[in-house]
Amino acid sequence: MHKQEEAKLIAEIIAGTKRKKRRINVLKVADNLRALHEQHKSLVKVANIVDLSPEMVRQFIKLNSLPNEVKKLFKDGHLSGVDIGYRISKLERKDQIAIAQRLTVSKL
């Protein structure tokens, strides 16, 4: 990865994590953090680069493992929080879609 590409990823991550109103979708932030993690091979290094805790970096990266149906709910704005996405990712895969859809309907 070139320095310019890495700088763009970092800028998008910061724009998606450091403001009250997120301007970048959490899935984009998650994908960028995954790319940085693949580059640096360390959650701690990535966390230091983007000024987040290693735990927060791990939670964002975990969003990449969500099923496409759940990711679509994030992309469409029906779900938005990193925490909720991380919690859904810890469920059995067969339950992830059902729970995510239920959350959008009943706002649990």
N, C-alpha and C. Protein backbone atom coordinates (compact mmCIF):
# COMPACT_ATOMS: atom_id res chain seq x y z
N MET A 1 0.84 -1.17 0.00
CA MET A 1 0.00 0.00 0.00
C MET A 1 0.89 1.24 0.00
N HIS A 2 0.58 2.17 -0.86
CA HIS A 2 1.35 3.40 -0.95
C HIS A 2 0.96 4.34 0.19
N LYS A 3 1.85 5.24 0.52
CA LYS A 3 1.61 6.21 1.59
C LYS A 3 0.36 7.05 1.32
N GLN A 4 0.17 7.41 0.05
CA GLN A 4 -0.99 8.23 -0.31
C GLN A 4 -2.30 7.44 -0.08
N GLU A 5 -2.30 6.16 -0.42
CA GLU A 5 -3.48 5.33 -0.20
C GLU A 5 -3.75 5.19 1.29
N GLU A 6 -2.68 4.97 2.06
CA GLU A 6 -2.82 4.83 3.50
C GLU A 6 -3.34 6.14 4.11
N ALA A 7 -2.84 7.26 3.66
CA ALA A 7 -3.30 8.55 4.17
C ALA A 7 -4.79 8.75 3.90
N LYS A 8 -5.27 8.32 2.73
CA LYS A 8 -6.69 8.43 2.40
C LYS A 8 -7.52 7.55 3.33
N LEU A 9 -7.06 6.32 3.57
CA LEU A 9 -7.78 5.43 4.49
C LEU A 9 -7.87 6.06 5.87
N ILE A 10 -6.76 6.58 6.35
CA ILE A 10 -6.72 7.19 7.68
C ILE A 10 -7.66 8.38 7.75
N ALA A 11 -7.67 9.22 6.73
CA ALA A 11 -8.55 10.39 6.71
C ALA A 11 -10.02 9.97 6.76
N GLU A 12 -10.38 8.94 6.02
CA GLU A 12 -11.76 8.46 6.03
C GLU A 12 -12.12 7.87 7.38
N ILE A 13 -11.19 7.16 8.00
CA ILE A 13 -11.44 6.59 9.32
C ILE A 13 -11.69 7.71 10.33
N ILE A 14 -10.84 8.71 10.30
CA ILE A 14 -10.99 9.83 11.23
C ILE A 14 -12.32 10.54 10.99
N ALA A 15 -12.67 10.76 9.73
CA ALA A 15 -13.94 11.41 9.41
C ALA A 15 -15.13 10.57 9.88
N GLY A 16 -14.96 9.26 9.92
CA GLY A 16 -16.04 8.37 10.32
C GLY A 16 -16.08 8.04 11.79
N THR A 17 -15.09 8.51 12.56
CA THR A 17 -15.06 8.16 13.98
C THR A 17 -14.93 9.35 14.92
N LYS A 18 -14.49 10.47 14.46
CA LYS A 18 -14.16 11.58 15.36
C LYS A 18 -15.20 12.68 15.41
N ARG A 19 -16.30 12.53 14.73
CA ARG A 19 -17.31 13.57 14.71
C ARG A 19 -18.60 13.06 15.32
N LYS A 20 -19.35 13.97 15.87
CA LYS A 20 -20.64 13.59 16.46
C LYS A 20 -21.57 13.01 15.40
N LYS A 21 -21.61 13.66 14.25
CA LYS A 21 -22.42 13.15 13.16
C LYS A 21 -21.49 12.48 12.15
N ARG A 22 -21.58 11.17 12.09
CA ARG A 22 -20.70 10.39 11.22
C ARG A 22 -20.99 10.70 9.77
N ARG A 23 -19.94 11.06 9.03
CA ARG A 23 -20.09 11.39 7.62
C ARG A 23 -19.76 10.20 6.72
N ILE A 24 -19.12 9.21 7.29
CA ILE A 24 -18.71 8.03 6.53
C ILE A 24 -19.40 6.82 7.18
N ASN A 25 -19.98 5.97 6.37
CA ASN A 25 -20.66 4.78 6.87
C ASN A 25 -19.71 3.91 7.68
N VAL A 26 -20.22 3.30 8.75
CA VAL A 26 -19.38 2.46 9.61
C VAL A 26 -18.76 1.29 8.84
N LEU A 27 -19.42 0.81 7.81
CA LEU A 27 -18.85 -0.29 7.03
C LEU A 27 -17.63 0.16 6.24
N LYS A 28 -17.63 1.39 5.76
CA LYS A 28 -16.46 1.94 5.07
C LYS A 28 -15.30 2.08 6.05
N VAL A 29 -15.61 2.58 7.24
CA VAL A 29 -14.59 2.70 8.28
C VAL A 29 -14.05 1.32 8.62
N ALA A 30 -14.94 0.34 8.77
CA ALA A 30 -14.53 -1.02 9.09
C ALA A 30 -13.62 -1.60 8.02
N ASP A 31 -13.97 -1.37 6.77
CA ASP A 31 -13.16 -1.88 5.67
C ASP A 31 -11.79 -1.20 5.64
N ASN A 32 -11.77 0.11 5.89
CA ASN A 32 -10.49 0.83 5.92
C ASN A 32 -9.61 0.34 7.07
N LEU A 33 -10.21 0.10 8.22
CA LEU A 33 -9.44 -0.41 9.36
C LEU A 33 -8.91 -1.81 9.08
N ARG A 34 -9.72 -2.62 8.39
CA ARG A 34 -9.26 -3.96 8.00
C ARG A 34 -8.03 -3.85 7.10
N ALA A 35 -8.08 -2.94 6.14
CA ALA A 35 -6.96 -2.76 5.22
C ALA A 35 -5.70 -2.30 5.96
N LEU A 36 -5.87 -1.37 6.90
CA LEU A 36 -4.72 -0.94 7.70
C LEU A 36 -4.17 -2.08 8.56
N HIS A 37 -5.08 -2.88 9.09
CA HIS A 37 -4.65 -4.01 9.91
C HIS A 37 -3.88 -5.03 9.08
N GLU A 38 -4.34 -5.28 7.87
CA GLU A 38 -3.61 -6.18 6.98
C GLU A 38 -2.22 -5.63 6.67
N GLN A 39 -2.12 -4.33 6.56
CA GLN A 39 -0.83 -3.67 6.27
C GLN A 39 0.12 -3.73 7.46
N HIS A 40 -0.40 -3.42 8.64
CA HIS A 40 0.47 -3.27 9.82
C HIS A 40 0.51 -4.50 10.73
N LYS A 41 -0.43 -5.42 10.54
CA LYS A 41 -0.46 -6.70 11.27
C LYS A 41 -0.59 -6.55 12.78
N SER A 42 -1.15 -5.44 13.25
CA SER A 42 -1.27 -5.23 14.69
C SER A 42 -2.42 -4.28 14.98
N LEU A 43 -3.33 -4.72 15.85
CA LEU A 43 -4.42 -3.84 16.27
C LEU A 43 -3.88 -2.62 17.01
N VAL A 44 -2.86 -2.83 17.81
CA VAL A 44 -2.28 -1.73 18.59
C VAL A 44 -1.67 -0.68 17.67
N LYS A 45 -0.94 -1.10 16.65
CA LYS A 45 -0.35 -0.15 15.71
C LYS A 45 -1.44 0.64 14.99
N VAL A 46 -2.47 -0.06 14.52
CA VAL A 46 -3.56 0.61 13.83
C VAL A 46 -4.26 1.58 14.78
N ALA A 47 -4.51 1.14 16.00
CA ALA A 47 -5.17 1.99 16.99
C ALA A 47 -4.37 3.26 17.23
N ASN A 48 -3.07 3.14 17.32
CA ASN A 48 -2.21 4.31 17.52
C ASN A 48 -2.25 5.24 16.31
N ILE A 49 -2.29 4.68 15.13
CA ILE A 49 -2.32 5.50 13.91
C ILE A 49 -3.59 6.33 13.83
N VAL A 50 -4.73 5.74 14.18
CA VAL A 50 -6.01 6.42 14.01
C VAL A 50 -6.58 6.97 15.33
N ASP A 51 -5.82 6.85 16.40
CA ASP A 51 -6.20 7.39 17.70
C ASP A 51 -7.53 6.81 18.21
N LEU A 52 -7.62 5.49 18.14
CA LEU A 52 -8.73 4.74 18.73
C LEU A 52 -8.14 3.69 19.64
N SER A 53 -8.96 3.12 20.48
CA SER A 53 -8.48 2.01 21.30
C SER A 53 -8.38 0.75 20.44
N PRO A 54 -7.48 -0.16 20.80
CA PRO A 54 -7.41 -1.43 20.07
C PRO A 54 -8.75 -2.17 20.07
N GLU A 55 -9.49 -2.07 21.17
CA GLU A 55 -10.80 -2.72 21.26
C GLU A 55 -11.77 -2.12 20.24
N MET A 56 -11.77 -0.82 20.09
CA MET A 56 -12.66 -0.18 19.12
C MET A 56 -12.27 -0.57 17.70
N VAL A 57 -10.99 -0.65 17.43
CA VAL A 57 -10.52 -1.09 16.11
C VAL A 57 -11.01 -2.51 15.85
N ARG A 58 -10.89 -3.38 16.85
CA ARG A 58 -11.33 -4.76 16.71
C ARG A 58 -12.83 -4.83 16.44
N GLN A 59 -13.61 -4.02 17.14
CA GLN A 59 -15.05 -4.02 16.94
C GLN A 59 -15.41 -3.56 15.53
N PHE A 60 -14.76 -2.52 15.06
CA PHE A 60 -15.02 -2.07 13.69
C PHE A 60 -14.67 -3.18 12.69
N ILE A 61 -13.50 -3.77 12.83
CA ILE A 61 -13.06 -4.81 11.89
C ILE A 61 -14.03 -5.98 11.87
N LYS A 62 -14.60 -6.31 13.01
CA LYS A 62 -15.53 -7.43 13.10
C LYS A 62 -16.78 -7.21 12.24
N LEU A 63 -17.12 -5.95 11.97
CA LEU A 63 -18.29 -5.67 11.13
C LEU A 63 -18.12 -6.25 9.72
N ASN A 64 -16.89 -6.44 9.29
CA ASN A 64 -16.64 -7.01 7.97
C ASN A 64 -17.14 -8.44 7.85
N SER A 65 -17.34 -9.11 8.97
CA SER A 65 -17.78 -10.51 8.93
C SER A 65 -19.29 -10.66 8.91
N LEU A 66 -20.02 -9.56 9.00
CA LEU A 66 -21.49 -9.65 8.99
C LEU A 66 -22.00 -10.13 7.63
N PRO A 67 -23.12 -10.83 7.62
CA PRO A 67 -23.72 -11.25 6.35
C PRO A 67 -24.12 -10.04 5.51
N ASN A 68 -24.16 -10.21 4.22
CA ASN A 68 -24.50 -9.11 3.31
C ASN A 68 -25.85 -8.49 3.62
N GLU A 69 -26.81 -9.30 4.06
CA GLU A 69 -28.13 -8.76 4.38
C GLU A 69 -28.05 -7.77 5.55
N VAL A 70 -27.20 -8.06 6.51
CA VAL A 70 -27.03 -7.16 7.66
C VAL A 70 -26.23 -5.92 7.22
N LYS A 71 -25.22 -6.13 6.41
CA LYS A 71 -24.45 -4.99 5.91
C LYS A 71 -25.35 -4.03 5.14
N LYS A 72 -26.30 -4.56 4.40
CA LYS A 72 -27.23 -3.70 3.65
C LYS A 72 -28.04 -2.82 4.60
N LEU A 73 -28.42 -3.35 5.74
CA LEU A 73 -29.15 -2.54 6.72
C LEU A 73 -28.30 -1.38 7.22
N PHE A 74 -27.00 -1.60 7.35
CA PHE A 74 -26.09 -0.51 7.72
C PHE A 74 -25.95 0.48 6.57
N LYS A 75 -25.76 -0.03 5.37
CA LYS A 75 -25.60 0.86 4.20
C LYS A 75 -26.82 1.73 3.97
N ASP A 76 -28.00 1.15 4.22
CA ASP A 76 -29.25 1.88 4.00
C ASP A 76 -29.62 2.79 5.18
N GLY A 77 -28.82 2.75 6.24
CA GLY A 77 -29.06 3.63 7.39
C GLY A 77 -30.05 3.12 8.41
N HIS A 78 -30.49 1.87 8.28
CA HIS A 78 -31.43 1.30 9.25
C HIS A 78 -30.73 0.93 10.54
N LEU A 79 -29.45 0.59 10.45
CA LEU A 79 -28.59 0.33 11.61
C LEU A 79 -27.38 1.23 11.45
N SER A 80 -26.83 1.70 12.58
CA SER A 80 -25.71 2.62 12.41
C SER A 80 -24.59 2.45 13.43
N GLY A 81 -24.84 1.88 14.56
CA GLY A 81 -23.83 1.83 15.60
C GLY A 81 -22.84 0.69 15.47
N VAL A 82 -21.60 1.01 15.74
CA VAL A 82 -20.55 -0.01 15.75
C VAL A 82 -20.86 -1.05 16.81
N ASP A 83 -21.31 -0.60 17.97
CA ASP A 83 -21.58 -1.51 19.07
C ASP A 83 -22.64 -2.53 18.70
N ILE A 84 -23.73 -2.07 18.09
CA ILE A 84 -24.80 -3.01 17.72
C ILE A 84 -24.31 -3.99 16.66
N GLY A 85 -23.54 -3.51 15.71
CA GLY A 85 -22.99 -4.40 14.69
C GLY A 85 -22.06 -5.43 15.28
N TYR A 86 -21.24 -5.00 16.23
CA TYR A 86 -20.31 -5.93 16.89
C TYR A 86 -21.09 -6.98 17.67
N ARG A 87 -22.12 -6.55 18.38
CA ARG A 87 -22.92 -7.51 19.17
C ARG A 87 -23.62 -8.50 18.25
N ILE A 88 -24.14 -8.03 17.14
CA ILE A 88 -24.78 -8.93 16.18
C ILE A 88 -23.76 -9.93 15.64
N SER A 89 -22.54 -9.48 15.39
CA SER A 89 -21.51 -10.36 14.83
C SER A 89 -21.15 -11.50 15.76
N LYS A 90 -21.43 -11.35 17.04
CA LYS A 90 -21.10 -12.39 18.01
C LYS A 90 -22.16 -13.49 18.07
N LEU A 91 -23.30 -13.25 17.45
CA LEU A 91 -24.37 -14.25 17.42
C LEU A 91 -24.04 -15.32 16.39
N GLU A 92 -24.77 -16.43 16.49
CA GLU A 92 -24.63 -17.45 15.45
C GLU A 92 -25.08 -16.86 14.14
N ARG A 93 -24.40 -17.22 13.09
CA ARG A 93 -24.65 -16.63 11.77
C ARG A 93 -26.12 -16.69 11.37
N LYS A 94 -26.78 -17.80 11.66
CA LYS A 94 -28.18 -17.96 11.27
C LYS A 94 -29.09 -16.96 11.99
N ASP A 95 -28.67 -16.47 13.14
CA ASP A 95 -29.48 -15.53 13.90
C ASP A 95 -29.18 -14.06 13.58
N GLN A 96 -28.06 -13.80 12.95
CA GLN A 96 -27.64 -12.42 12.73
C GLN A 96 -28.63 -11.62 11.88
N ILE A 97 -29.09 -12.20 10.80
CA ILE A 97 -30.00 -11.49 9.90
C ILE A 97 -31.34 -11.23 10.60
N ALA A 98 -31.87 -12.27 11.25
CA ALA A 98 -33.16 -12.13 11.92
C ALA A 98 -33.12 -11.06 13.01
N ILE A 99 -32.08 -11.07 13.81
CA ILE A 99 -31.96 -10.09 14.89
C ILE A 99 -31.79 -8.69 14.32
N ALA A 100 -30.95 -8.55 13.32
CA ALA A 100 -30.73 -7.23 12.72
C ALA A 100 -32.02 -6.68 12.14
N GLN A 101 -32.77 -7.51 11.43
CA GLN A 101 -34.04 -7.07 10.87
C GLN A 101 -35.03 -6.71 11.97
N ARG A 102 -35.04 -7.48 13.03
CA ARG A 102 -35.94 -7.21 14.16
C ARG A 102 -35.59 -5.88 14.82
N LEU A 103 -34.32 -5.60 14.91
CA LEU A 103 -33.88 -4.34 15.51
C LEU A 103 -34.36 -3.14 14.69
N THR A 104 -34.40 -3.28 13.40
CA THR A 104 -34.82 -2.15 12.56
C THR A 104 -36.33 -1.93 12.65
N VAL A 105 -37.08 -3.00 12.90
CA VAL A 105 -38.53 -2.88 12.97
C VAL A 105 -38.98 -2.37 14.35
N SER A 106 -38.45 -2.97 15.41
CA SER A 106 -38.96 -2.62 16.73
C SER A 106 -38.06 -1.65 17.50
N LYS A 107 -36.93 -1.31 16.94
CA LYS A 107 -36.01 -0.35 17.58
C LYS A 107 -35.69 -0.76 19.01
N LEU A 108 -35.35 -2.03 19.17
CA LEU A 108 -34.99 -2.54 20.50
C LEU A 108 -33.82 -1.80 21.09
